[in-house]
Amino acid sequence: MNMKTVILCGGTGTRMKEETEFKPKPLVLVGGKPILWHIMKIYAQYGFNEFIVALGYKGNMIKEYFLNERSFVNNFTLDTKTGNLIFHNNDCDDFKITFVETGEDSLTGERVRRVAPYIGDEDFMVTYGDGVADINIHALLGFHTSQQTLGTITAVIPSTRFGFLDIDESRKKLKSFYQHKVTHDTDNKSKEYINGGFMIFKNEVLNMIEPHSMIENIFPRLAEMQQMSVYKHLGRWKCMDTYKEVEELNKIWDQGAFWKIW
């Protein structure tokens, strides 16, 4: 089964206006390629190459990028009279992408609700359009299957903390979830885990997501039901939340990106 991956690409990226004033955040370039492409490459490396992209802010630009990507990366001859194209090479990725307009101002949970018809009756994965990791998707899926819970989230340790997880270590399940942002540590308690994306849900969770809600709103309810497992990713993870992080990701790419597992 090639489980589909929903990538949340609708936000405005207000904390990095230098880039997102003119393009959606998932199209911000790292090493000359959109961050969205890097995320897809991670999943595709493990055989999960079917994606549902939940579009919002400047979603047409994401469509246009992938519609034109073949001409961006290959040499071709164009007959301007007939419009015929002859490609001289075909260095393309093997992605199957469903693009879904989920509303300019929709919250993340609502976006997942609106892509539900394209998920069908299968279980599905969800991640954000701005985070990369050297994560083994097969190991994540194996853990999710063994836990037999409705959902699994991936816990990571970031350099800054926002929205941290209270984990029951013995059962590897979520006890509670704090959505509010947390500033830099001053007492070196930097070991709290946060939700790093790379989530997996059983299909029935689609019916539990409230209209016009955040996807994270379902976490406390699943935790209370003891139905939310936590996969600890002990490797590296980084999200692109500010322009400074764009620069950092590009620097890491130039030095040998930790998430480049393909």
Protein backbone atom coordinates (compact mmCIF):
# COMPACT_ATOMS: atom_id res chain seq x y z
CA MET A 1 0.00 0.00 0.00
CA ASN A 2 1.37 3.39 -0.98
CA MET A 3 0.00 5.49 1.85
CA LYS A 4 -0.72 9.07 0.81
CA THR A 5 0.97 11.99 2.54
CA VAL A 6 -0.92 15.24 3.13
CA ILE A 7 1.41 18.25 3.12
CA LEU A 8 0.01 21.41 4.69
CA CYS A 9 1.00 24.26 2.37
CA GLY A 10 -1.60 26.94 3.00
CA GLY A 11 -0.06 29.29 5.56
CA THR A 12 1.11 32.81 4.85
CA GLY A 13 4.52 32.57 6.54
CA THR A 14 4.17 35.98 8.16
CA ARG A 15 7.41 35.62 10.16
CA MET A 16 9.51 35.59 6.99
CA LYS A 17 7.98 38.37 4.88
CA GLU A 18 11.29 38.84 3.04
CA GLU A 19 10.46 35.64 1.16
CA THR A 20 6.74 35.05 1.51
CA GLU A 21 5.54 38.45 0.36
CA PHE A 22 6.06 37.20 -3.19
CA LYS A 23 5.75 33.42 -2.89
CA PRO A 24 4.18 30.81 -0.59
CA LYS A 25 6.44 29.50 2.15
CA PRO A 26 6.73 25.95 0.70
CA LEU A 27 8.32 27.46 -2.44
CA VAL A 28 11.12 29.21 -0.55
CA LEU A 29 14.34 27.82 -1.99
CA VAL A 30 16.90 25.69 -0.20
CA GLY A 31 19.81 24.74 -2.43
CA GLY A 32 17.91 26.02 -5.45
CA LYS A 33 14.85 23.81 -4.81
CA PRO A 34 11.66 24.58 -2.86
CA ILE A 35 11.54 23.32 0.74
CA LEU A 36 8.40 21.42 -0.36
CA TRP A 37 10.49 19.43 -2.86
CA HIS A 38 12.96 18.47 -0.11
CA ILE A 39 10.09 17.16 2.05
CA MET A 40 8.70 15.11 -0.84
CA LYS A 41 12.15 13.65 -1.55
CA ILE A 42 12.38 12.39 2.06
CA TYR A 43 9.09 10.49 1.74
CA ALA A 44 9.80 9.29 -1.80
CA GLN A 45 13.13 7.81 -0.69
CA TYR A 46 11.10 5.30 1.33
CA GLY A 47 8.64 4.60 -1.48
CA PHE A 48 5.90 7.01 -0.39
CA ASN A 49 5.58 9.17 -3.50
CA GLU A 50 1.85 9.98 -3.49
CA PHE A 51 1.14 13.41 -2.06
CA ILE A 52 -1.92 15.57 -1.40
CA VAL A 53 -0.88 19.20 -1.23
CA ALA A 54 -3.34 21.32 0.78
CA LEU A 55 -3.13 24.75 -0.87
CA GLY A 56 -4.04 28.18 0.45
CA TYR A 57 -1.96 31.36 0.27
CA LYS A 58 -0.58 31.79 -3.29
CA GLY A 59 -1.45 28.17 -4.02
CA ASN A 60 -1.44 28.76 -7.78
CA MET A 61 2.31 29.36 -7.62
CA ILE A 62 2.83 25.88 -6.18
CA LYS A 63 0.74 24.39 -9.00
CA GLU A 64 2.68 26.36 -11.59
CA TYR A 65 6.03 25.26 -10.20
CA PHE A 66 5.26 21.56 -10.51
CA LEU A 67 3.43 21.95 -13.83
CA ASN A 68 6.55 23.60 -15.24
CA GLU A 69 9.22 21.70 -13.30
CA ARG A 70 10.00 19.36 -16.18
CA SER A 71 10.95 22.32 -18.37
CA PHE A 72 12.97 23.85 -15.53
CA VAL A 73 15.25 20.84 -15.04
CA ASN A 74 15.59 19.47 -18.59
CA ASN A 75 16.83 20.62 -21.98
CA PHE A 76 14.11 20.80 -24.62
CA THR A 77 13.26 22.03 -28.09
CA LEU A 78 10.09 24.10 -28.56
CA ASP A 79 8.29 24.42 -31.88
CA THR A 80 6.63 27.80 -31.39
CA LYS A 81 4.25 27.27 -34.32
CA THR A 82 2.78 23.98 -33.14
CA GLY A 83 3.61 24.23 -29.44
CA ASN A 84 5.28 20.81 -29.58
CA LEU A 85 7.97 20.12 -27.02
CA ILE A 86 10.79 17.62 -27.44
CA PHE A 87 12.65 16.86 -24.21
CA HIS A 88 16.26 15.82 -24.62
CA ASN A 89 16.55 14.36 -21.13
CA ASN A 90 14.09 13.48 -18.41
CA ASP A 91 15.65 14.18 -15.04
CA CYS A 92 12.35 14.28 -13.18
CA ASP A 93 11.22 13.05 -9.81
CA ASP A 94 8.67 10.26 -9.55
CA PHE A 95 5.96 12.09 -7.60
CA LYS A 96 2.19 11.74 -7.91
CA ILE A 97 0.74 14.97 -6.53
CA THR A 98 -2.90 15.91 -5.98
CA PHE A 99 -3.31 19.67 -5.59
CA VAL A 100 -6.33 20.73 -3.52
CA GLU A 101 -7.48 24.29 -2.89
CA THR A 102 -8.41 24.27 0.80
CA GLY A 103 -9.17 27.96 1.32
CA GLU A 104 -7.12 31.10 1.78
CA ASP A 105 -7.73 31.39 5.52
CA SER A 106 -8.46 27.80 6.58
CA LEU A 107 -6.78 26.37 9.66
CA THR A 108 -4.72 23.20 9.35
CA GLY A 109 -7.42 20.84 10.64
CA GLU A 110 -9.94 22.27 8.21
CA ARG A 111 -7.44 21.80 5.38
CA VAL A 112 -7.14 18.10 6.25
CA ARG A 113 -10.95 17.85 6.30
CA ARG A 114 -11.13 19.39 2.84
CA VAL A 115 -8.64 16.96 1.30
CA ALA A 116 -10.44 13.94 2.82
CA PRO A 117 -12.15 12.94 -0.49
CA TYR A 118 -8.70 12.49 -2.03
CA ILE A 119 -7.46 10.36 0.87
CA GLY A 120 -10.27 7.87 0.45
CA ASP A 121 -10.69 5.05 2.98
CA GLU A 122 -7.01 4.52 3.74
CA ASP A 123 -4.86 5.58 6.65
CA PHE A 124 -2.72 8.59 5.84
CA MET A 125 0.31 10.63 6.79
CA VAL A 126 0.43 14.38 7.45
CA THR A 127 3.30 16.83 7.68
CA TYR A 128 3.94 20.54 7.50
CA GLY A 129 5.34 22.28 4.43
CA ASP A 130 8.37 23.71 6.19
CA GLY A 131 10.22 21.01 8.18
CA VAL A 132 12.95 18.52 7.23
CA ALA A 133 14.60 15.67 9.12
CA ASP A 134 16.86 12.67 8.62
CA ILE A 135 13.88 10.53 9.59
CA ASN A 136 13.34 6.90 8.56
CA ILE A 137 9.72 6.80 7.37
CA HIS A 138 9.71 2.98 7.38
CA ALA A 139 10.70 2.98 11.06
CA LEU A 140 8.02 5.58 11.80
CA LEU A 141 5.34 3.52 10.07
CA GLY A 142 6.51 0.32 11.77
CA PHE A 143 6.26 2.02 15.16
CA HIS A 144 2.78 3.39 14.35
CA THR A 145 1.59 -0.07 13.30
CA SER A 146 2.97 -1.74 16.41
CA GLN A 147 1.37 0.84 18.73
CA GLN A 148 -2.10 0.23 17.22
CA THR A 149 -3.28 3.74 18.10
CA LEU A 150 -5.38 6.14 16.03
CA GLY A 151 -2.47 8.54 15.60
CA THR A 152 1.28 8.90 15.87
CA ILE A 153 3.25 12.14 16.00
CA THR A 154 6.99 12.52 15.67
CA ALA A 155 8.73 14.15 18.62
CA VAL A 156 11.91 16.13 18.02
CA ILE A 157 14.22 18.28 20.12
CA PRO A 158 14.59 21.72 18.53
CA SER A 159 16.91 24.58 19.34
CA THR A 160 13.83 26.63 20.27
CA ARG A 161 10.63 25.27 21.71
CA PHE A 162 7.04 25.90 20.74
CA GLY A 163 4.11 23.64 21.48
CA PHE A 164 5.75 20.92 23.57
CA LEU A 165 4.71 17.34 24.31
CA ASP A 166 4.16 15.60 27.65
CA ILE A 167 5.07 11.98 26.93
CA ASP A 168 4.23 8.81 28.87
CA GLU A 169 7.60 7.09 28.47
CA SER A 170 6.43 3.59 29.40
CA ARG A 171 3.64 3.41 26.84
CA LYS A 172 5.17 5.83 24.31
CA LYS A 173 1.90 7.78 24.22
CA LEU A 174 0.98 11.42 24.50
CA LYS A 175 -0.30 12.55 27.90
CA SER A 176 -0.94 16.20 27.03
CA PHE A 177 -0.04 18.86 24.49
CA TYR A 178 0.75 22.54 25.01
CA GLN A 179 0.12 24.61 21.90
CA HIS A 180 1.31 27.98 23.18
CA LYS A 181 4.69 29.26 22.04
CA VAL A 182 7.58 29.01 24.43
CA THR A 183 10.63 31.27 24.24
CA HIS A 184 14.31 30.39 24.49
CA ASP A 185 15.42 28.52 27.59
CA THR A 186 17.39 30.39 30.20
CA ASP A 187 17.94 27.42 32.52
CA ASN A 188 19.17 24.91 29.93
CA LYS A 189 16.06 22.73 30.13
CA SER A 190 16.24 22.15 26.40
CA LYS A 191 15.24 18.49 26.38
CA GLU A 192 11.49 18.95 25.97
CA TYR A 193 10.22 17.43 22.75
CA ILE A 194 7.97 19.21 20.29
CA ASN A 195 5.78 18.03 17.45
CA GLY A 196 8.03 17.88 14.41
CA GLY A 197 5.38 16.89 11.87
CA PHE A 198 5.73 13.49 10.16
CA MET A 199 2.40 12.29 11.56
CA ILE A 200 0.34 9.17 10.77
CA PHE A 201 -3.39 8.74 11.38
CA LYS A 202 -5.95 6.01 10.99
CA ASN A 203 -8.69 7.01 8.57
CA GLU A 204 -11.35 7.34 11.27
CA VAL A 205 -9.52 10.39 12.66
CA LEU A 206 -10.88 12.34 9.67
CA ASN A 207 -14.33 12.19 11.30
CA MET A 208 -12.97 13.47 14.60
CA ILE A 209 -11.43 16.71 13.31
CA GLU A 210 -13.70 19.63 14.16
CA PRO A 211 -14.64 22.09 11.39
CA HIS A 212 -12.44 25.20 11.21
CA SER A 213 -9.95 23.81 13.74
CA MET A 214 -6.21 23.28 13.89
CA ILE A 215 -4.95 19.74 13.32
CA GLU A 216 -3.23 20.04 16.72
CA ASN A 217 -6.66 20.45 18.38
CA ILE A 218 -7.19 16.71 17.97
CA PHE A 219 -4.05 15.86 19.96
CA PRO A 220 -5.43 16.38 23.50
CA ARG A 221 -8.58 14.41 22.65
CA LEU A 222 -6.59 11.48 21.25
CA ALA A 223 -4.20 11.69 24.22
CA GLU A 224 -7.13 11.49 26.64
CA MET A 225 -8.32 8.38 24.80
CA GLN A 226 -4.75 6.99 25.01
CA GLN A 227 -4.84 6.85 21.22
CA MET A 228 -1.92 9.13 20.33
CA SER A 229 1.53 7.54 20.16
CA VAL A 230 4.80 9.44 20.09
CA TYR A 231 7.68 8.38 17.86
CA LYS A 232 10.91 9.90 19.14
CA HIS A 233 13.17 11.00 16.31
CA LEU A 234 16.62 11.12 17.86
CA GLY A 235 18.29 12.40 14.70
CA ARG A 236 18.28 15.93 13.33
CA TRP A 237 15.30 18.12 12.46
CA LYS A 238 14.89 21.72 11.40
CA CYS A 239 11.96 23.87 10.39
CA MET A 240 11.91 27.05 8.34
CA ASP A 241 9.98 29.54 10.44
CA THR A 242 12.04 32.71 9.92
CA TYR A 243 14.24 34.21 7.26
CA LYS A 244 17.26 33.47 9.47
CA GLU A 245 16.33 29.78 9.30
CA VAL A 246 16.14 29.99 5.50
CA GLU A 247 19.73 31.20 5.51
CA GLU A 248 20.73 28.47 7.99
CA LEU A 249 19.09 25.71 5.90
CA ASN A 250 20.87 26.92 2.77
CA LYS A 251 24.18 26.95 4.62
CA ILE A 252 23.56 23.41 5.90
CA TRP A 253 22.69 22.31 2.35
CA ASP A 254 25.98 23.67 1.03
CA GLN A 255 27.91 21.83 3.75
CA GLY A 256 26.07 18.51 3.24
CA ALA A 257 22.44 18.46 4.31
CA PHE A 258 21.56 15.99 7.07
CA TRP A 259 18.11 15.37 5.55
CA LYS A 260 19.50 14.50 2.07
CA ILE A 261 18.96 10.76 2.39
CA TRP A 262 18.29 10.25 -1.34
